[in-house]
Amino acid sequence: MATYGQSGGDKGQALLNQIIDAAGRDVVALSYKARIERHAAEVAA
């Protein structure tokens, strides 16, 4: 639930930060950017 933003409380946010740190913040940022770009391309099509 935390990874989808559906658990926005303190515990959910702490868990999300742990997941992001474990994956690497740069990796998560690049993945998120790619996802947003794919979505934008789909909407524009």
Protein backbone atom coordinates (compact mmCIF):
# COMPACT_ATOMS: atom_id res chain seq x y z
CA MET A 1 0.00 0.00 0.00
CA ALA A 2 2.87 2.39 0.78
CA THR A 3 4.33 2.02 -2.71
CA TYR A 4 1.06 3.18 -4.27
CA GLY A 5 0.67 6.16 -1.95
CA GLN A 6 -2.36 4.65 -0.24
CA SER A 7 -0.74 4.54 3.16
CA GLY A 8 0.22 8.17 3.70
CA GLY A 9 0.54 8.06 7.45
CA ASP A 10 3.81 8.20 9.34
CA LYS A 11 4.36 4.42 9.20
CA GLY A 12 3.53 4.22 5.50
CA GLN A 13 5.83 7.12 4.68
CA ALA A 14 8.64 5.57 6.72
CA LEU A 15 8.20 2.26 4.92
CA LEU A 16 8.18 3.99 1.53
CA ASN A 17 11.41 5.81 2.39
CA GLN A 18 13.03 2.52 3.43
CA ILE A 19 12.01 0.92 0.13
CA ILE A 20 13.32 3.88 -1.88
CA ASP A 21 16.60 3.92 0.05
CA ALA A 22 17.05 0.18 -0.45
CA ALA A 23 16.48 0.48 -4.20
CA GLY A 24 18.58 3.63 -4.47
CA ARG A 25 17.03 7.07 -4.77
CA ASP A 26 18.64 7.67 -8.17
CA VAL A 27 17.23 4.40 -9.55
CA VAL A 28 13.75 5.24 -8.27
CA ALA A 29 13.91 8.77 -9.71
CA LEU A 30 14.96 7.49 -13.15
CA SER A 31 12.28 4.80 -13.12
CA TYR A 32 9.60 7.28 -12.12
CA LYS A 33 10.72 9.71 -14.83
CA ALA A 34 10.51 6.97 -17.46
CA ARG A 35 7.04 6.00 -16.25
CA ILE A 36 5.80 9.59 -16.44
CA GLU A 37 7.26 10.00 -19.94
CA ARG A 38 5.55 6.78 -21.13
CA HIS A 39 2.25 7.93 -19.69
CA ALA A 40 2.57 11.36 -21.32
CA ALA A 41 3.29 9.72 -24.69
CA GLU A 42 0.23 7.47 -24.32
CA VAL A 43 -2.01 10.40 -23.45
CA ALA A 44 -0.68 12.45 -26.38
CA ALA A 45 -1.30 9.59 -28.85
